[in-house]
Amino acid sequence: MTEQQSSRFERGTDGPKVIVAGVDGSDSSLRAAAYASGLARRQGALLALVYVQQVTAAGVALGAPVADATEAVAEDLAARIREAMERIRGLYDIRWEFHTFRGDPYNGLVKAADDLRADAVVVGASEKAGHRFVGSVAVRLVKSGRWPVTVVP
């Protein structure tokens, strides 16, 4: 190895520093969060749990209280995550944050991963049958090719 090659090594940059996990309360998203927490623990990375509050055009047009409903889901998820983290306190040391973004799940996760400078994204597989034809958030994230994406069944 030449001296020039050895100077390219960057100390402390091996492995992910930030892992984003998308959560929406579904079983597959909670499994994805658990998987991502294990990755974060083993890598010493920050676990950023992200919930995207969907704003549907139909709900807004009809005057439905969509914001209140999605805010309640976000609060419930945050409480469940805090409770889970309290249960493992002392056993594992995981640095984590909970973030919410508004919009559609794909664009919200892209924004979160960009804003948080994610090194990896972990999501649950879609549980909706229609996504086999239209494409799920997970498939769209993988196709974007911007980060390593792990899809948890």
N, C-alpha and C. Protein backbone atom coordinates (compact mmCIF):
# COMPACT_ATOMS: atom_id res chain seq x y z
N MET A 1 0.85 -1.17 0.00
CA MET A 1 0.00 0.00 0.00
C MET A 1 0.90 1.24 0.00
N THR A 2 0.56 2.17 -0.83
CA THR A 2 1.36 3.39 -0.92
C THR A 2 0.94 4.37 0.16
N GLU A 3 1.78 5.36 0.39
CA GLU A 3 1.47 6.39 1.39
C GLU A 3 0.21 7.16 1.00
N GLN A 4 0.02 7.39 -0.31
CA GLN A 4 -1.13 8.13 -0.79
C GLN A 4 -2.42 7.34 -0.50
N GLN A 5 -2.42 6.03 -0.68
CA GLN A 5 -3.60 5.21 -0.40
C GLN A 5 -3.94 5.23 1.08
N SER A 6 -2.95 5.16 1.94
CA SER A 6 -3.23 5.13 3.37
C SER A 6 -3.79 6.45 3.88
N SER A 7 -3.49 7.56 3.21
CA SER A 7 -4.00 8.85 3.67
C SER A 7 -5.47 9.04 3.33
N ARG A 8 -6.06 8.17 2.51
CA ARG A 8 -7.48 8.27 2.17
C ARG A 8 -8.41 7.75 3.26
N PHE A 9 -7.90 6.95 4.15
CA PHE A 9 -8.72 6.39 5.23
C PHE A 9 -9.22 7.52 6.13
N GLU A 10 -10.51 7.50 6.42
CA GLU A 10 -11.09 8.51 7.30
C GLU A 10 -11.46 7.85 8.61
N ARG A 11 -10.79 8.25 9.66
CA ARG A 11 -11.03 7.67 10.98
C ARG A 11 -12.46 7.96 11.44
N GLY A 12 -13.12 6.95 11.93
CA GLY A 12 -14.44 7.12 12.52
C GLY A 12 -15.58 7.18 11.53
N THR A 13 -15.33 6.90 10.25
CA THR A 13 -16.42 6.98 9.29
C THR A 13 -16.87 5.62 8.79
N ASP A 14 -16.34 4.55 9.34
CA ASP A 14 -16.79 3.23 8.94
C ASP A 14 -18.14 2.93 9.59
N GLY A 15 -19.04 2.43 8.80
CA GLY A 15 -20.36 2.09 9.30
C GLY A 15 -21.28 3.30 9.33
N PRO A 16 -22.57 3.03 9.50
CA PRO A 16 -23.54 4.12 9.49
C PRO A 16 -23.49 4.96 10.76
N LYS A 17 -23.71 6.25 10.60
CA LYS A 17 -23.81 7.16 11.74
C LYS A 17 -25.27 7.43 12.09
N VAL A 18 -26.14 7.42 11.07
CA VAL A 18 -27.57 7.68 11.27
C VAL A 18 -28.36 6.64 10.49
N ILE A 19 -29.26 5.96 11.18
CA ILE A 19 -30.15 4.99 10.55
C ILE A 19 -31.57 5.51 10.72
N VAL A 20 -32.26 5.70 9.60
CA VAL A 20 -33.65 6.16 9.62
C VAL A 20 -34.55 4.94 9.51
N ALA A 21 -35.54 4.86 10.38
CA ALA A 21 -36.54 3.79 10.31
C ALA A 21 -37.92 4.42 10.22
N GLY A 22 -38.65 4.07 9.17
CA GLY A 22 -40.01 4.57 9.01
C GLY A 22 -40.97 3.76 9.85
N VAL A 23 -41.80 4.46 10.63
CA VAL A 23 -42.80 3.78 11.46
C VAL A 23 -44.17 4.40 11.20
N ASP A 24 -45.18 3.55 11.19
CA ASP A 24 -46.54 4.05 11.01
C ASP A 24 -47.53 3.30 11.91
N GLY A 25 -47.02 2.47 12.80
CA GLY A 25 -47.88 1.73 13.71
C GLY A 25 -48.23 0.34 13.21
N SER A 26 -47.95 0.03 11.94
CA SER A 26 -48.23 -1.30 11.42
C SER A 26 -47.24 -2.30 12.01
N ASP A 27 -47.62 -3.57 11.99
CA ASP A 27 -46.74 -4.60 12.54
C ASP A 27 -45.40 -4.62 11.82
N SER A 28 -45.43 -4.51 10.48
CA SER A 28 -44.17 -4.57 9.74
C SER A 28 -43.28 -3.36 10.04
N SER A 29 -43.88 -2.18 10.27
CA SER A 29 -43.06 -1.01 10.59
C SER A 29 -42.46 -1.13 11.98
N LEU A 30 -43.17 -1.75 12.90
CA LEU A 30 -42.63 -1.94 14.25
C LEU A 30 -41.51 -2.98 14.24
N ARG A 31 -41.65 -4.00 13.38
CA ARG A 31 -40.55 -4.96 13.22
C ARG A 31 -39.34 -4.27 12.59
N ALA A 32 -39.58 -3.36 11.65
CA ALA A 32 -38.49 -2.60 11.03
C ALA A 32 -37.79 -1.74 12.07
N ALA A 33 -38.55 -1.13 12.95
CA ALA A 33 -37.96 -0.30 14.02
C ALA A 33 -37.11 -1.15 14.95
N ALA A 34 -37.59 -2.35 15.28
CA ALA A 34 -36.83 -3.25 16.15
C ALA A 34 -35.53 -3.68 15.46
N TYR A 35 -35.62 -4.01 14.18
CA TYR A 35 -34.43 -4.40 13.42
C TYR A 35 -33.44 -3.24 13.36
N ALA A 36 -33.94 -2.05 13.06
CA ALA A 36 -33.08 -0.86 12.97
C ALA A 36 -32.45 -0.53 14.31
N SER A 37 -33.16 -0.76 15.41
CA SER A 37 -32.58 -0.49 16.72
C SER A 37 -31.41 -1.43 17.00
N GLY A 38 -31.52 -2.68 16.56
CA GLY A 38 -30.41 -3.62 16.70
C GLY A 38 -29.21 -3.18 15.88
N LEU A 39 -29.46 -2.72 14.65
CA LEU A 39 -28.37 -2.21 13.82
C LEU A 39 -27.71 -1.01 14.48
N ALA A 40 -28.53 -0.09 14.96
CA ALA A 40 -28.00 1.13 15.59
C ALA A 40 -27.18 0.80 16.83
N ARG A 41 -27.66 -0.15 17.61
CA ARG A 41 -26.93 -0.54 18.82
C ARG A 41 -25.57 -1.14 18.46
N ARG A 42 -25.57 -2.05 17.51
CA ARG A 42 -24.31 -2.72 17.14
C ARG A 42 -23.33 -1.77 16.46
N GLN A 43 -23.83 -0.80 15.72
CA GLN A 43 -22.97 0.12 14.99
C GLN A 43 -22.66 1.40 15.77
N GLY A 44 -23.31 1.59 16.90
CA GLY A 44 -23.12 2.83 17.65
C GLY A 44 -23.69 4.02 16.90
N ALA A 45 -24.72 3.78 16.10
CA ALA A 45 -25.33 4.83 15.27
C ALA A 45 -26.55 5.43 15.97
N LEU A 46 -26.94 6.61 15.51
CA LEU A 46 -28.17 7.25 15.97
C LEU A 46 -29.33 6.60 15.24
N LEU A 47 -30.37 6.21 15.98
CA LEU A 47 -31.59 5.67 15.39
C LEU A 47 -32.60 6.79 15.30
N ALA A 48 -32.99 7.15 14.10
CA ALA A 48 -34.00 8.19 13.88
C ALA A 48 -35.28 7.51 13.44
N LEU A 49 -36.25 7.45 14.34
CA LEU A 49 -37.55 6.86 14.03
C LEU A 49 -38.42 7.96 13.45
N VAL A 50 -38.99 7.70 12.26
CA VAL A 50 -39.71 8.74 11.53
C VAL A 50 -41.13 8.29 11.23
N TYR A 51 -42.09 9.14 11.61
CA TYR A 51 -43.49 8.93 11.27
C TYR A 51 -43.90 10.06 10.33
N VAL A 52 -44.45 9.68 9.18
CA VAL A 52 -44.91 10.69 8.22
C VAL A 52 -46.42 10.81 8.36
N GLN A 53 -46.86 12.00 8.74
CA GLN A 53 -48.28 12.27 8.90
C GLN A 53 -48.86 12.53 7.51
N GLN A 54 -49.65 11.58 7.04
CA GLN A 54 -50.22 11.70 5.70
C GLN A 54 -51.25 12.80 5.63
N VAL A 55 -51.16 13.59 4.61
CA VAL A 55 -52.16 14.62 4.32
C VAL A 55 -52.79 14.23 3.00
N THR A 56 -54.01 13.73 3.08
CA THR A 56 -54.67 13.28 1.85
C THR A 56 -55.50 14.41 1.26
N ALA A 57 -55.45 14.54 -0.04
CA ALA A 57 -56.20 15.60 -0.73
C ALA A 57 -57.70 15.43 -0.51
N ALA A 58 -58.17 14.19 -0.51
CA ALA A 58 -59.60 13.94 -0.33
C ALA A 58 -60.05 14.39 1.06
N GLY A 59 -59.24 14.08 2.07
CA GLY A 59 -59.59 14.47 3.43
C GLY A 59 -59.61 15.97 3.60
N VAL A 60 -58.66 16.65 3.00
CA VAL A 60 -58.60 18.11 3.09
C VAL A 60 -59.79 18.72 2.36
N ALA A 61 -60.10 18.19 1.18
CA ALA A 61 -61.20 18.72 0.38
C ALA A 61 -62.54 18.56 1.09
N LEU A 62 -62.68 17.48 1.82
CA LEU A 62 -63.93 17.24 2.53
C LEU A 62 -63.96 17.92 3.90
N GLY A 63 -62.88 18.54 4.28
CA GLY A 63 -62.83 19.22 5.57
C GLY A 63 -62.65 18.28 6.74
N ALA A 64 -62.19 17.08 6.49
CA ALA A 64 -62.00 16.08 7.55
C ALA A 64 -60.86 16.52 8.46
N PRO A 65 -60.97 16.24 9.74
CA PRO A 65 -59.90 16.62 10.70
C PRO A 65 -58.70 15.68 10.59
N VAL A 66 -58.07 15.66 9.42
CA VAL A 66 -56.96 14.75 9.15
C VAL A 66 -55.76 15.06 10.04
N ALA A 67 -55.46 16.34 10.21
CA ALA A 67 -54.30 16.72 11.01
C ALA A 67 -54.43 16.21 12.44
N ASP A 68 -55.63 16.32 13.01
CA ASP A 68 -55.84 15.84 14.38
C ASP A 68 -55.64 14.34 14.48
N ALA A 69 -56.13 13.60 13.49
CA ALA A 69 -56.01 12.14 13.51
C ALA A 69 -54.55 11.72 13.38
N THR A 70 -53.81 12.32 12.46
CA THR A 70 -52.41 11.92 12.28
C THR A 70 -51.56 12.37 13.45
N GLU A 71 -51.91 13.48 14.07
CA GLU A 71 -51.17 13.94 15.25
C GLU A 71 -51.37 12.95 16.40
N ALA A 72 -52.59 12.42 16.54
CA ALA A 72 -52.87 11.43 17.58
C ALA A 72 -52.06 10.16 17.35
N VAL A 73 -51.95 9.74 16.08
CA VAL A 73 -51.15 8.56 15.76
C VAL A 73 -49.69 8.82 16.13
N ALA A 74 -49.18 10.01 15.79
CA ALA A 74 -47.79 10.36 16.10
C ALA A 74 -47.54 10.34 17.60
N GLU A 75 -48.47 10.89 18.37
CA GLU A 75 -48.32 10.90 19.83
C GLU A 75 -48.35 9.48 20.40
N ASP A 76 -49.25 8.63 19.86
CA ASP A 76 -49.34 7.25 20.32
C ASP A 76 -48.05 6.49 19.99
N LEU A 77 -47.53 6.68 18.78
CA LEU A 77 -46.28 6.02 18.40
C LEU A 77 -45.13 6.47 19.28
N ALA A 78 -45.03 7.77 19.52
CA ALA A 78 -43.96 8.29 20.37
C ALA A 78 -44.04 7.69 21.77
N ALA A 79 -45.24 7.59 22.31
CA ALA A 79 -45.41 7.01 23.65
C ALA A 79 -45.01 5.54 23.66
N ARG A 80 -45.41 4.79 22.64
CA ARG A 80 -45.07 3.37 22.57
C ARG A 80 -43.57 3.17 22.42
N ILE A 81 -42.93 4.02 21.64
CA ILE A 81 -41.48 3.92 21.45
C ILE A 81 -40.74 4.26 22.74
N ARG A 82 -41.16 5.32 23.42
CA ARG A 82 -40.53 5.68 24.70
C ARG A 82 -40.67 4.54 25.70
N GLU A 83 -41.85 3.93 25.75
CA GLU A 83 -42.10 2.82 26.66
C GLU A 83 -41.17 1.64 26.35
N ALA A 84 -41.03 1.32 25.08
CA ALA A 84 -40.14 0.22 24.67
C ALA A 84 -38.70 0.54 25.03
N MET A 85 -38.28 1.78 24.82
CA MET A 85 -36.90 2.16 25.14
C MET A 85 -36.65 2.14 26.66
N GLU A 86 -37.66 2.48 27.43
CA GLU A 86 -37.52 2.41 28.89
C GLU A 86 -37.33 0.97 29.35
N ARG A 87 -38.03 0.03 28.69
CA ARG A 87 -37.92 -1.38 29.07
C ARG A 87 -36.51 -1.91 28.86
N ILE A 88 -35.80 -1.41 27.85
CA ILE A 88 -34.46 -1.93 27.59
C ILE A 88 -33.35 -1.07 28.19
N ARG A 89 -33.75 0.02 28.86
CA ARG A 89 -32.72 0.88 29.47
C ARG A 89 -31.90 0.05 30.45
N GLY A 90 -30.61 0.23 30.41
CA GLY A 90 -29.72 -0.53 31.27
C GLY A 90 -29.19 -1.79 30.59
N LEU A 91 -30.00 -2.37 29.69
CA LEU A 91 -29.55 -3.54 28.94
C LEU A 91 -28.78 -3.11 27.69
N TYR A 92 -29.34 -2.14 27.00
CA TYR A 92 -28.73 -1.64 25.77
C TYR A 92 -28.69 -0.13 25.81
N ASP A 93 -27.65 0.42 25.22
CA ASP A 93 -27.54 1.86 25.13
C ASP A 93 -27.75 2.26 23.68
N ILE A 94 -28.93 2.77 23.38
CA ILE A 94 -29.26 3.17 22.01
C ILE A 94 -29.59 4.66 22.01
N ARG A 95 -28.90 5.40 21.16
CA ARG A 95 -29.24 6.81 20.96
C ARG A 95 -30.36 6.84 19.93
N TRP A 96 -31.46 7.53 20.27
CA TRP A 96 -32.58 7.57 19.34
C TRP A 96 -33.30 8.89 19.40
N GLU A 97 -33.99 9.18 18.33
CA GLU A 97 -34.83 10.37 18.22
C GLU A 97 -36.11 9.97 17.50
N PHE A 98 -37.17 10.73 17.76
CA PHE A 98 -38.44 10.51 17.07
C PHE A 98 -38.78 11.78 16.31
N HIS A 99 -39.05 11.64 15.02
CA HIS A 99 -39.36 12.78 14.17
C HIS A 99 -40.68 12.55 13.46
N THR A 100 -41.42 13.63 13.23
CA THR A 100 -42.61 13.55 12.39
C THR A 100 -42.46 14.53 11.25
N PHE A 101 -42.94 14.12 10.11
CA PHE A 101 -42.98 14.95 8.91
C PHE A 101 -44.38 14.86 8.34
N ARG A 102 -44.81 15.87 7.63
CA ARG A 102 -46.11 15.85 6.97
C ARG A 102 -45.93 15.60 5.48
N GLY A 103 -46.88 14.87 4.90
CA GLY A 103 -46.85 14.62 3.46
C GLY A 103 -47.13 13.17 3.16
N ASP A 104 -46.76 12.76 1.96
CA ASP A 104 -46.94 11.35 1.63
C ASP A 104 -45.74 10.58 2.17
N PRO A 105 -45.92 9.31 2.49
CA PRO A 105 -44.85 8.55 3.15
C PRO A 105 -43.53 8.52 2.39
N TYR A 106 -43.56 8.34 1.08
CA TYR A 106 -42.31 8.28 0.33
C TYR A 106 -41.55 9.61 0.43
N ASN A 107 -42.18 10.70 0.06
CA ASN A 107 -41.50 12.00 0.08
C ASN A 107 -41.11 12.40 1.50
N GLY A 108 -41.93 12.03 2.48
CA GLY A 108 -41.59 12.33 3.88
C GLY A 108 -40.34 11.59 4.34
N LEU A 109 -40.23 10.32 3.95
CA LEU A 109 -39.03 9.55 4.33
C LEU A 109 -37.80 10.05 3.58
N VAL A 110 -37.97 10.44 2.33
CA VAL A 110 -36.85 11.00 1.57
C VAL A 110 -36.38 12.28 2.24
N LYS A 111 -37.32 13.15 2.60
CA LYS A 111 -36.96 14.41 3.27
C LYS A 111 -36.27 14.14 4.60
N ALA A 112 -36.82 13.19 5.36
CA ALA A 112 -36.22 12.85 6.65
C ALA A 112 -34.79 12.34 6.47
N ALA A 113 -34.62 11.42 5.53
CA ALA A 113 -33.29 10.84 5.31
C ALA A 113 -32.30 11.91 4.84
N ASP A 114 -32.76 12.82 3.99
CA ASP A 114 -31.89 13.92 3.54
C ASP A 114 -31.57 14.88 4.69
N ASP A 115 -32.62 15.32 5.41
CA ASP A 115 -32.42 16.28 6.50
C ASP A 115 -31.53 15.73 7.61
N LEU A 116 -31.69 14.44 7.91
CA LEU A 116 -30.94 13.81 8.99
C LEU A 116 -29.61 13.22 8.51
N ARG A 117 -29.34 13.35 7.23
CA ARG A 117 -28.12 12.81 6.62
C ARG A 117 -27.96 11.32 6.91
N ALA A 118 -29.00 10.59 6.60
CA ALA A 118 -29.04 9.15 6.88
C ALA A 118 -28.02 8.40 6.05
N ASP A 119 -27.47 7.37 6.67
CA ASP A 119 -26.57 6.46 5.99
C ASP A 119 -27.30 5.21 5.54
N ALA A 120 -28.47 4.95 6.13
CA ALA A 120 -29.27 3.78 5.79
C ALA A 120 -30.72 4.05 6.15
N VAL A 121 -31.63 3.38 5.45
CA VAL A 121 -33.06 3.52 5.71
C VAL A 121 -33.63 2.12 5.89
N VAL A 122 -34.47 1.96 6.92
CA VAL A 122 -35.12 0.67 7.20
C VAL A 122 -36.62 0.90 7.24
N VAL A 123 -37.36 0.12 6.47
CA VAL A 123 -38.82 0.23 6.44
C VAL A 123 -39.43 -1.16 6.47
N GLY A 124 -40.69 -1.20 6.86
CA GLY A 124 -41.43 -2.45 6.83
C GLY A 124 -42.03 -2.67 5.45
N ALA A 125 -42.22 -3.92 5.09
CA ALA A 125 -42.87 -4.25 3.82
C ALA A 125 -44.32 -3.80 3.89
N SER A 126 -44.84 -3.36 2.77
CA SER A 126 -46.23 -2.90 2.72
C SER A 126 -47.17 -4.05 3.02
N GLU A 127 -48.21 -3.74 3.77
CA GLU A 127 -49.22 -4.74 4.09
C GLU A 127 -50.47 -4.56 3.23
N LYS A 128 -50.38 -3.63 2.26
CA LYS A 128 -51.54 -3.34 1.40
C LYS A 128 -51.41 -4.11 0.09
N ALA A 129 -52.48 -4.81 -0.28
CA ALA A 129 -52.46 -5.64 -1.49
C ALA A 129 -52.25 -4.82 -2.76
N GLY A 130 -52.78 -3.62 -2.84
CA GLY A 130 -52.67 -2.79 -4.03
C GLY A 130 -51.25 -2.39 -4.36
N HIS A 131 -50.37 -2.43 -3.38
CA HIS A 131 -48.98 -2.02 -3.62
C HIS A 131 -48.23 -3.00 -4.49
N ARG A 132 -48.79 -4.20 -4.68
CA ARG A 132 -48.13 -5.15 -5.58
C ARG A 132 -48.17 -4.63 -7.02
N PHE A 133 -49.18 -3.81 -7.31
CA PHE A 133 -49.34 -3.30 -8.68
C PHE A 133 -48.80 -1.88 -8.82
N VAL A 134 -49.04 -1.03 -7.84
CA VAL A 134 -48.68 0.37 -7.93
C VAL A 134 -47.25 0.61 -7.45
N GLY A 135 -46.78 -0.15 -6.50
CA GLY A 135 -45.44 0.05 -5.95
C GLY A 135 -45.53 0.63 -4.55
N SER A 136 -44.85 0.01 -3.63
CA SER A 136 -44.89 0.45 -2.25
C SER A 136 -43.84 1.52 -1.99
N VAL A 137 -43.92 2.11 -0.82
CA VAL A 137 -42.91 3.09 -0.39
C VAL A 137 -41.54 2.42 -0.38
N ALA A 138 -41.47 1.19 0.10
CA ALA A 138 -40.19 0.47 0.17
C ALA A 138 -39.58 0.30 -1.22
N VAL A 139 -40.39 -0.10 -2.19
CA VAL A 139 -39.89 -0.30 -3.55
C VAL A 139 -39.41 1.02 -4.13
N ARG A 140 -40.16 2.08 -3.91
CA ARG A 140 -39.76 3.39 -4.42
C ARG A 140 -38.46 3.86 -3.78
N LEU A 141 -38.27 3.60 -2.49
CA LEU A 141 -37.02 3.97 -1.82
C LEU A 141 -35.83 3.19 -2.40
N VAL A 142 -36.04 1.90 -2.61
CA VAL A 142 -34.97 1.08 -3.18
C VAL A 142 -34.62 1.58 -4.59
N LYS A 143 -35.63 1.85 -5.40
CA LYS A 143 -35.41 2.30 -6.78
C LYS A 143 -34.73 3.66 -6.84
N SER A 144 -34.92 4.48 -5.82
CA SER A 144 -34.29 5.80 -5.84
C SER A 144 -32.77 5.68 -5.75
N GLY A 145 -32.29 4.61 -5.12
CA GLY A 145 -30.86 4.34 -5.08
C GLY A 145 -30.04 5.36 -4.31
N ARG A 146 -30.64 6.04 -3.36
CA ARG A 146 -29.93 7.10 -2.65
C ARG A 146 -29.27 6.62 -1.36
N TRP A 147 -29.80 5.56 -0.76
CA TRP A 147 -29.26 5.01 0.48
C TRP A 147 -29.42 3.50 0.41
N PRO A 148 -28.64 2.78 1.21
CA PRO A 148 -28.96 1.36 1.37
C PRO A 148 -30.33 1.27 2.07
N VAL A 149 -31.22 0.49 1.54
CA VAL A 149 -32.57 0.35 2.10
C VAL A 149 -32.77 -1.10 2.50
N THR A 150 -33.20 -1.32 3.73
CA THR A 150 -33.54 -2.65 4.20
C THR A 150 -35.05 -2.70 4.37
N VAL A 151 -35.68 -3.70 3.76
CA VAL A 151 -37.12 -3.89 3.86
C VAL A 151 -37.38 -5.09 4.75
N VAL A 152 -38.05 -4.88 5.86
CA VAL A 152 -38.31 -5.92 6.84
C VAL A 152 -39.73 -6.45 6.63
N PRO A 153 -39.89 -7.79 6.50
CA PRO A 153 -41.23 -8.33 6.28
C PRO A 153 -42.12 -8.23 7.52
